[in-house]
Amino acid sequence: MNASKTAPMSPDPTESDLLQPLREIYGDARHSLPRLEVVAGSEIPEPYRGLLVHDRDMTRTLEAHHGDAIRLRTWATGVQDGIYRRMVGLLLEHSGRPVEFGATRVHLDRFPEPWRGLILAGERPLGGILNAWGIAYRSSPSAFFRTDGDERIWGALSLKGPVTLYGRRNTLSDPQGNPLADILEILPPAISNDSTSPAIAR
């Protein structure tokens, strides 16, 4: 799968900046945040590089890669000051296999009805709603990273414990450059033919 042209990234993003969507949905100091190591897109191995290093939304990218529709599973949500925060998993429609963990901040005031209601219903990925309704937007990754995750991420991706994961911080904006959503996106390990692999909870 060939990666498309990547949008320019912000200089030297900090770990704190990257974790903002996750910090807000975790909500308090009882939940420590996972460590992220910022890496260049060229340092990410395949197949993760082709799935992350581009300027497309992840819903459409994952559907094309897996040849299946994507559905949404929501783990936690909250709305404050016009910002809708949620922690989600993207799952394959037919097998139910998780193909992404996401923490998202959505600027609800930039979505009129019926789109706002569709987003709050939590039944479809944000990218799927934007694409289905023909809403114009830009996808702009600001950083790529690797991480061992944490218990919440492992659970969402059906993992038994620590394993190297790759992800990105992405922003969806309208044509005028106003942010629509800030997203932390993490992929599960590539499926191995080795059924004894300890990383995947089977």
Protein backbone atom coordinates (compact mmCIF):
# COMPACT_ATOMS: atom_id res chain seq x y z
CA MET A 1 0.00 0.00 0.00
CA ASN A 2 1.60 3.25 -1.08
CA ALA A 3 1.56 6.23 1.29
CA SER A 4 0.35 9.50 -0.14
CA LYS A 5 2.10 12.82 0.33
CA THR A 6 2.40 13.59 4.02
CA ALA A 7 1.28 16.94 5.38
CA PRO A 8 3.97 19.11 7.04
CA MET A 9 4.51 18.27 10.70
CA SER A 10 4.82 20.70 13.60
CA PRO A 11 8.42 21.17 14.75
CA ASP A 12 9.52 19.16 17.80
CA PRO A 13 6.15 18.06 19.21
CA THR A 14 6.43 17.26 22.91
CA GLU A 15 5.15 14.11 24.55
CA SER A 16 2.73 16.28 26.53
CA ASP A 17 1.30 17.78 23.32
CA LEU A 18 0.84 14.36 21.75
CA LEU A 19 -0.95 12.95 24.78
CA GLN A 20 -3.47 15.78 25.15
CA PRO A 21 -6.49 13.87 23.76
CA LEU A 22 -5.66 10.86 25.93
CA ARG A 23 -5.01 12.95 29.05
CA GLU A 24 -8.37 14.66 28.74
CA ILE A 25 -10.36 11.45 28.34
CA TYR A 26 -8.47 9.63 31.15
CA GLY A 27 -9.51 12.59 33.25
CA ASP A 28 -7.52 12.35 36.48
CA ALA A 29 -4.21 11.44 38.06
CA ARG A 30 -5.34 7.90 38.94
CA HIS A 31 -4.59 6.83 35.38
CA SER A 32 -0.94 7.30 34.43
CA LEU A 33 -0.32 8.01 30.77
CA PRO A 34 1.72 5.74 28.47
CA ARG A 35 5.15 6.87 27.31
CA LEU A 36 5.47 7.87 23.67
CA GLU A 37 8.70 8.05 21.66
CA VAL A 38 8.49 10.44 18.71
CA VAL A 39 9.97 8.95 15.53
CA ALA A 40 10.27 10.05 11.92
CA GLY A 41 7.75 8.55 9.53
CA SER A 42 10.63 6.91 7.66
CA GLU A 43 11.60 5.01 10.85
CA ILE A 44 8.23 3.27 11.12
CA PRO A 45 8.37 -0.27 9.70
CA GLU A 46 5.82 -1.69 7.29
CA PRO A 47 2.94 -2.36 7.32
CA TYR A 48 2.50 0.42 9.88
CA ARG A 49 4.21 3.07 7.73
CA GLY A 50 1.75 2.63 4.88
CA LEU A 51 -1.16 2.84 7.31
CA LEU A 52 0.07 5.92 9.21
CA VAL A 53 2.38 8.07 7.10
CA HIS A 54 -0.08 9.86 4.82
CA ASP A 55 -2.59 12.70 4.88
CA ARG A 56 -5.78 10.61 4.64
CA ASP A 57 -8.21 9.78 7.43
CA MET A 58 -7.70 6.42 9.11
CA THR A 59 -11.23 5.09 8.59
CA ARG A 60 -10.91 5.05 4.81
CA THR A 61 -7.28 3.87 4.99
CA LEU A 62 -8.05 0.92 7.26
CA GLU A 63 -11.12 -0.10 5.26
CA ALA A 64 -9.04 -0.20 2.08
CA HIS A 65 -6.21 -2.12 3.77
CA HIS A 66 -8.40 -4.76 5.41
CA GLY A 67 -11.07 -4.98 2.71
CA ASP A 68 -13.85 -4.60 5.25
CA ALA A 69 -16.06 -1.88 6.69
CA ILE A 70 -15.12 -0.31 10.02
CA ARG A 71 -17.43 0.03 13.00
CA LEU A 72 -16.94 1.96 16.21
CA ARG A 73 -16.74 0.79 19.82
CA THR A 74 -16.79 3.56 22.42
CA TRP A 75 -15.04 3.05 25.76
CA ALA A 76 -15.46 6.47 27.40
CA THR A 77 -17.03 9.82 26.48
CA GLY A 78 -17.49 13.30 27.87
CA VAL A 79 -18.60 16.76 26.71
CA GLN A 80 -17.32 20.02 28.20
CA ASP A 81 -17.13 23.55 26.82
CA GLY A 82 -18.23 22.39 23.37
CA ILE A 83 -15.53 19.71 23.13
CA TYR A 84 -16.64 16.08 22.78
CA ARG A 85 -13.98 13.70 24.08
CA ARG A 86 -14.04 9.98 23.54
CA MET A 87 -11.85 6.89 23.71
CA VAL A 88 -12.72 4.38 21.03
CA GLY A 89 -11.74 1.28 19.15
CA LEU A 90 -12.17 0.77 15.42
CA LEU A 91 -13.25 -2.79 14.64
CA LEU A 92 -13.66 -4.77 11.44
CA GLU A 93 -17.35 -5.17 10.65
CA HIS A 94 -17.33 -8.92 10.00
CA SER A 95 -14.71 -10.33 12.37
CA GLY A 96 -14.90 -7.71 15.14
CA ARG A 97 -11.09 -7.60 15.22
CA PRO A 98 -9.74 -4.28 16.57
CA VAL A 99 -7.68 -2.34 14.05
CA GLU A 100 -7.14 0.95 15.90
CA PHE A 101 -7.27 2.57 19.33
CA GLY A 102 -8.23 6.23 19.29
CA ALA A 103 -8.56 9.15 21.69
CA THR A 104 -10.37 12.09 20.10
CA ARG A 105 -11.30 15.72 20.84
CA VAL A 106 -14.14 16.86 18.55
CA HIS A 107 -15.09 20.55 18.23
CA LEU A 108 -18.85 20.11 18.21
CA ASP A 109 -19.66 23.76 17.43
CA ARG A 110 -18.13 23.29 13.98
CA PHE A 111 -20.65 20.57 13.08
CA PRO A 112 -24.27 21.58 12.43
CA GLU A 113 -27.08 19.07 12.65
CA PRO A 114 -27.55 16.32 11.63
CA TRP A 115 -23.79 15.70 11.72
CA ARG A 116 -23.45 16.67 15.38
CA GLY A 117 -26.10 14.14 16.37
CA LEU A 118 -24.43 11.42 14.32
CA ILE A 119 -21.10 12.09 16.06
CA LEU A 120 -22.65 12.03 19.55
CA ALA A 121 -24.52 8.81 18.75
CA GLY A 122 -21.15 7.06 18.71
CA GLU A 123 -22.17 4.48 16.14
CA ARG A 124 -19.86 5.43 13.25
CA PRO A 125 -16.23 6.58 13.09
CA LEU A 126 -15.79 10.31 12.59
CA GLY A 127 -13.97 9.78 9.29
CA GLY A 128 -16.84 7.60 8.07
CA ILE A 129 -19.36 10.35 8.83
CA LEU A 130 -17.30 13.02 7.09
CA ASN A 131 -16.79 10.85 4.01
CA ALA A 132 -20.39 9.62 3.78
CA TRP A 133 -21.81 13.15 3.96
CA GLY A 134 -19.21 14.71 1.70
CA ILE A 135 -17.98 17.12 4.39
CA ALA A 136 -14.83 18.87 3.17
CA TYR A 137 -11.84 18.47 5.50
CA ARG A 138 -8.07 18.13 5.60
CA SER A 139 -6.12 15.46 7.49
CA SER A 140 -2.77 16.70 8.86
CA PRO A 141 -0.55 14.38 10.93
CA SER A 142 1.67 16.36 13.32
CA ALA A 143 3.83 13.50 14.67
CA PHE A 144 4.45 9.76 14.57
CA PHE A 145 5.48 7.68 17.56
CA ARG A 146 6.01 4.25 19.08
CA THR A 147 4.80 3.16 22.49
CA ASP A 148 4.30 0.10 24.68
CA GLY A 149 0.80 1.36 25.50
CA ASP A 150 -0.94 0.79 28.82
CA GLU A 151 -3.71 -1.42 30.23
CA ARG A 152 -6.53 0.54 28.59
CA ILE A 153 -4.87 0.49 25.19
CA TRP A 154 -4.02 -3.21 25.51
CA GLY A 155 -7.63 -3.97 26.40
CA ALA A 156 -9.01 -1.98 23.47
CA LEU A 157 -6.64 -3.77 21.07
CA SER A 158 -7.16 -7.25 22.61
CA LEU A 159 -3.53 -7.50 23.75
CA LYS A 160 -2.19 -9.43 26.73
CA GLY A 161 0.46 -6.90 27.68
CA PRO A 162 3.29 -4.64 26.51
CA VAL A 163 4.29 -4.83 22.87
CA THR A 164 5.71 -2.19 20.52
CA LEU A 165 2.89 -0.22 18.94
CA TYR A 166 2.97 2.56 16.36
CA GLY A 167 0.70 5.55 16.04
CA ARG A 168 0.28 9.17 15.08
CA ARG A 169 -1.23 12.43 16.27
CA ASN A 170 -3.56 13.80 13.62
CA THR A 171 -5.76 16.86 13.19
CA LEU A 172 -8.81 17.08 10.94
CA SER A 173 -9.54 20.64 9.83
CA ASP A 174 -12.11 22.39 7.65
CA PRO A 175 -11.01 24.06 4.37
CA GLN A 176 -10.37 27.34 6.26
CA GLY A 177 -7.95 25.60 8.62
CA ASN A 178 -10.23 25.51 11.68
CA PRO A 179 -9.67 22.27 13.63
CA LEU A 180 -12.57 19.83 13.60
CA ALA A 181 -10.94 17.07 15.67
CA ASP A 182 -7.61 16.22 17.30
CA ILE A 183 -6.90 12.49 17.32
CA LEU A 184 -4.34 10.15 18.87
CA GLU A 185 -4.35 6.97 16.72
CA ILE A 186 -2.58 3.71 17.65
CA LEU A 187 -2.49 0.52 15.59
CA PRO A 188 -2.39 -3.05 16.94
CA PRO A 189 0.50 -5.38 16.06
CA ALA A 190 0.37 -6.80 12.56
CA ILE A 191 -1.29 -10.21 12.58
CA SER A 192 1.32 -12.98 12.67
CA ASN A 193 0.96 -16.52 11.36
CA ASP A 194 2.56 -17.69 14.61
CA SER A 195 -0.39 -18.76 16.75
CA THR A 196 1.84 -18.90 19.83
CA SER A 197 2.62 -15.17 19.70
CA PRO A 198 2.21 -13.79 23.27
CA ALA A 199 1.16 -10.31 22.16
CA ILE A 200 -2.37 -11.06 20.97
CA ALA A 201 -5.12 -12.10 23.34
CA ARG A 202 -6.89 -14.85 21.41
